């Protein structure tokens, strides 16, 4: 089993100006700062990787990770099975689709959290 720390939500910035990146909120139609939570990064990026859709076991690992992250608060940890962790770490190290480098460079705490888990 591995324990993965849930880091704080990150506000994404323009690397040249250090100004927060904005996006158009489709509900309010107003510009908002782009923020990425650990949940959104893992569930919206890593668990969508083809590696998690290969067989029923990998899909179940994705479900388990998503369910645990959904209820975990920032600053706490989740515990996942070694096989699920190995798949998550391998996906982070070699995703099927490349990351947006400008954004990924700002997610260092997320990358470290996954690549350097604590053992219970």
C-alpha atoms as a PDB file:
ATOM      1  CA  UNK A   1       0.000   0.000   0.000  1.00  0.00           C
ATOM      2  CA  UNK A   2       1.096   3.551  -0.702  1.00  0.00           C
ATOM      3  CA  UNK A   3      -0.039   6.811   0.884  1.00  0.00           C
ATOM      4  CA  UNK A   4      -0.352   9.771  -1.455  1.00  0.00           C
ATOM      5  CA  UNK A   5      -0.558  13.252   0.025  1.00  0.00           C
ATOM      6  CA  UNK A   6      -3.249  15.565  -1.390  1.00  0.00           C
ATOM      7  CA  UNK A   7      -1.484  18.876  -2.148  1.00  0.00           C
ATOM      8  CA  UNK A   8      -3.171  22.286  -2.216  1.00  0.00           C
ATOM      9  CA  UNK A   9      -5.014  23.563  -5.290  1.00  0.00           C
ATOM     10  CA  UNK A  10      -2.732  25.469  -7.655  1.00  0.00           C
ATOM     11  CA  UNK A  11      -3.528  28.724  -9.468  1.00  0.00           C
ATOM     12  CA  UNK A  12      -1.992  28.469 -12.945  1.00  0.00           C
ATOM     13  CA  UNK A  13      -0.018  31.495 -14.112  1.00  0.00           C
ATOM     14  CA  UNK A  14       1.503  32.784 -17.325  1.00  0.00           C
ATOM     15  CA  UNK A  15       5.164  31.796 -16.958  1.00  0.00           C
ATOM     16  CA  UNK A  16       6.422  35.021 -18.549  1.00  0.00           C
ATOM     17  CA  UNK A  17       4.267  37.553 -16.713  1.00  0.00           C
ATOM     18  CA  UNK A  18       3.438  35.623 -13.525  1.00  0.00           C
ATOM     19  CA  UNK A  19      -0.160  36.801 -13.979  1.00  0.00           C
ATOM     20  CA  UNK A  20      -2.904  34.229 -13.324  1.00  0.00           C
ATOM     21  CA  UNK A  21      -4.186  32.513 -16.477  1.00  0.00           C
ATOM     22  CA  UNK A  22      -7.854  33.152 -17.105  1.00  0.00           C
ATOM     23  CA  UNK A  23     -10.577  31.052 -18.706  1.00  0.00           C
ATOM     24  CA  UNK A  24     -14.141  31.890 -19.686  1.00  0.00           C
ATOM     25  CA  UNK A  25     -16.571  30.269 -17.246  1.00  0.00           C
ATOM     26  CA  UNK A  26     -19.281  28.771 -19.471  1.00  0.00           C
ATOM     27  CA  UNK A  27     -21.931  29.064 -16.765  1.00  0.00           C
ATOM     28  CA  UNK A  28     -21.370  32.674 -15.706  1.00  0.00           C
ATOM     29  CA  UNK A  29     -19.740  33.769 -18.978  1.00  0.00           C
ATOM     30  CA  UNK A  30     -17.160  35.625 -16.853  1.00  0.00           C
ATOM     31  CA  UNK A  31     -13.367  35.290 -16.910  1.00  0.00           C
ATOM     32  CA  UNK A  32     -11.969  33.373 -13.920  1.00  0.00           C
ATOM     33  CA  UNK A  33      -8.531  32.334 -12.726  1.00  0.00           C
ATOM     34  CA  UNK A  34      -7.483  28.885 -13.882  1.00  0.00           C
ATOM     35  CA  UNK A  35      -7.061  26.678 -10.814  1.00  0.00           C
ATOM     36  CA  UNK A  36      -6.261  22.977 -10.855  1.00  0.00           C
ATOM     37  CA  UNK A  37      -6.931  20.763  -7.852  1.00  0.00           C
ATOM     38  CA  UNK A  38      -5.104  17.498  -7.282  1.00  0.00           C
ATOM     39  CA  UNK A  39      -8.437  15.711  -7.822  1.00  0.00           C
ATOM     40  CA  UNK A  40      -8.918  17.409 -11.200  1.00  0.00           C
ATOM     41  CA  UNK A  41      -5.358  16.635 -12.274  1.00  0.00           C
ATOM     42  CA  UNK A  42      -5.489  12.961 -11.329  1.00  0.00           C
ATOM     43  CA  UNK A  43      -9.080  12.232 -12.369  1.00  0.00           C
ATOM     44  CA  UNK A  44      -9.250  14.596 -15.339  1.00  0.00           C
ATOM     45  CA  UNK A  45      -5.828  13.774 -16.755  1.00  0.00           C
ATOM     46  CA  UNK A  46      -4.143  10.638 -15.416  1.00  0.00           C
ATOM     47  CA  UNK A  47      -7.172   8.395 -14.914  1.00  0.00           C
ATOM     48  CA  UNK A  48      -8.390   9.268 -18.424  1.00  0.00           C
ATOM     49  CA  UNK A  49      -5.185   7.774 -19.845  1.00  0.00           C
ATOM     50  CA  UNK A  50      -5.674   4.676 -21.986  1.00  0.00           C
ATOM     51  CA  UNK A  51      -3.602   2.652 -19.487  1.00  0.00           C
ATOM     52  CA  UNK A  52      -6.536   2.715 -17.056  1.00  0.00           C
ATOM     53  CA  UNK A  53      -8.987   1.415 -19.657  1.00  0.00           C
ATOM     54  CA  UNK A  54      -7.123  -1.710 -20.713  1.00  0.00           C
ATOM     55  CA  UNK A  55      -8.900  -4.354 -18.625  1.00  0.00           C
ATOM     56  CA  UNK A  56     -11.478  -4.515 -15.850  1.00  0.00           C
ATOM     57  CA  UNK A  57      -8.792  -4.541 -13.139  1.00  0.00           C
ATOM     58  CA  UNK A  58      -7.260  -1.273 -14.365  1.00  0.00           C
ATOM     59  CA  UNK A  59     -10.713   0.318 -14.601  1.00  0.00           C
ATOM     60  CA  UNK A  60     -11.392  -0.769 -11.012  1.00  0.00           C
ATOM     61  CA  UNK A  61      -8.098   0.816  -9.928  1.00  0.00           C
ATOM     62  CA  UNK A  62      -9.227   4.077 -11.556  1.00  0.00           C
ATOM     63  CA  UNK A  63     -12.587   3.893  -9.776  1.00  0.00           C
ATOM     64  CA  UNK A  64     -10.890   3.234  -6.429  1.00  0.00           C
ATOM     65  CA  UNK A  65      -8.456   6.138  -6.825  1.00  0.00           C
ATOM     66  CA  UNK A  66     -11.227   8.519  -7.969  1.00  0.00           C
ATOM     67  CA  UNK A  67     -13.535   7.546  -5.106  1.00  0.00           C
ATOM     68  CA  UNK A  68     -10.794   8.034  -2.505  1.00  0.00           C
ATOM     69  CA  UNK A  69      -9.703  11.384  -3.939  1.00  0.00           C
ATOM     70  CA  UNK A  70     -13.286  12.643  -4.119  1.00  0.00           C
ATOM     71  CA  UNK A  71     -13.665  12.592  -0.330  1.00  0.00           C
ATOM     72  CA  UNK A  72     -10.075  13.445   0.656  1.00  0.00           C
ATOM     73  CA  UNK A  73      -9.275  16.942   1.890  1.00  0.00           C
ATOM     74  CA  UNK A  74      -6.159  18.871   0.916  1.00  0.00           C
ATOM     75  CA  UNK A  75      -3.335  18.099   3.332  1.00  0.00           C
ATOM     76  CA  UNK A  76      -4.582  14.571   4.008  1.00  0.00           C
ATOM     77  CA  UNK A  77      -3.492  11.336   2.335  1.00  0.00           C
ATOM     78  CA  UNK A  78      -5.165   8.492   0.517  1.00  0.00           C
ATOM     79  CA  UNK A  79      -4.007   4.900   0.629  1.00  0.00           C
ATOM     80  CA  UNK A  80      -3.971   2.906  -2.590  1.00  0.00           C
ATOM     81  CA  UNK A  81      -2.890  -0.615  -3.450  1.00  0.00           C
ATOM     82  CA  UNK A  82       0.620  -1.124  -4.823  1.00  0.00           C
ATOM     83  CA  UNK A  83      -0.659  -2.320  -8.207  1.00  0.00           C
ATOM     84  CA  UNK A  84      -2.899   0.762  -8.580  1.00  0.00           C
ATOM     85  CA  UNK A  85      -0.020   2.999  -7.482  1.00  0.00           C
ATOM     86  CA  UNK A  86       2.356   1.400 -10.001  1.00  0.00           C
ATOM     87  CA  UNK A  87      -0.143   2.060 -12.799  1.00  0.00           C
ATOM     88  CA  UNK A  88      -0.698   5.665 -11.665  1.00  0.00           C
ATOM     89  CA  UNK A  89       3.046   6.370 -11.443  1.00  0.00           C
ATOM     90  CA  UNK A  90       3.728   4.724 -14.811  1.00  0.00           C
ATOM     91  CA  UNK A  91       0.971   6.823 -16.391  1.00  0.00           C
ATOM     92  CA  UNK A  92       2.454   9.984 -14.914  1.00  0.00           C
ATOM     93  CA  UNK A  93       5.930   9.054 -16.162  1.00  0.00           C
ATOM     94  CA  UNK A  94       4.774   8.180 -19.690  1.00  0.00           C
ATOM     95  CA  UNK A  95       1.264   9.436 -20.494  1.00  0.00           C
ATOM     96  CA  UNK A  96      -0.418   8.464 -23.755  1.00  0.00           C
ATOM     97  CA  UNK A  97      -0.943  12.169 -24.516  1.00  0.00           C
ATOM     98  CA  UNK A  98       1.728  14.740 -23.683  1.00  0.00           C
ATOM     99  CA  UNK A  99       1.078  17.299 -20.969  1.00  0.00           C
ATOM    100  CA  UNK A 100       0.759  21.010 -21.718  1.00  0.00           C
ATOM    101  CA  UNK A 101       4.273  21.964 -20.609  1.00  0.00           C
ATOM    102  CA  UNK A 102       3.411  25.486 -19.415  1.00  0.00           C
ATOM    103  CA  UNK A 103       0.791  24.047 -17.075  1.00  0.00           C
ATOM    104  CA  UNK A 104       2.688  20.892 -16.100  1.00  0.00           C
ATOM    105  CA  UNK A 105       5.697  22.957 -15.006  1.00  0.00           C
ATOM    106  CA  UNK A 106       3.501  24.477 -12.309  1.00  0.00           C
ATOM    107  CA  UNK A 107       2.219  21.162 -10.973  1.00  0.00           C
ATOM    108  CA  UNK A 108       5.464  20.091  -9.322  1.00  0.00           C
ATOM    109  CA  UNK A 109       3.844  19.409  -5.947  1.00  0.00           C
ATOM    110  CA  UNK A 110       1.364  17.061  -7.663  1.00  0.00           C
ATOM    111  CA  UNK A 111       4.105  15.204  -9.518  1.00  0.00           C
ATOM    112  CA  UNK A 112       6.214  14.855  -6.344  1.00  0.00           C
ATOM    113  CA  UNK A 113       3.213  13.647  -4.357  1.00  0.00           C
ATOM    114  CA  UNK A 114       2.620  10.792  -6.770  1.00  0.00           C
ATOM    115  CA  UNK A 115       6.245   9.924  -7.469  1.00  0.00           C
ATOM    116  CA  UNK A 116       7.321  10.027  -3.805  1.00  0.00           C
ATOM    117  CA  UNK A 117       4.537   8.355  -1.812  1.00  0.00           C
ATOM    118  CA  UNK A 118       4.804   7.411   1.825  1.00  0.00           C
ATOM    119  CA  UNK A 119       4.522   3.806   2.824  1.00  0.00           C
ATOM    120  CA  UNK A 120       2.008   3.127   5.605  1.00  0.00           C
END
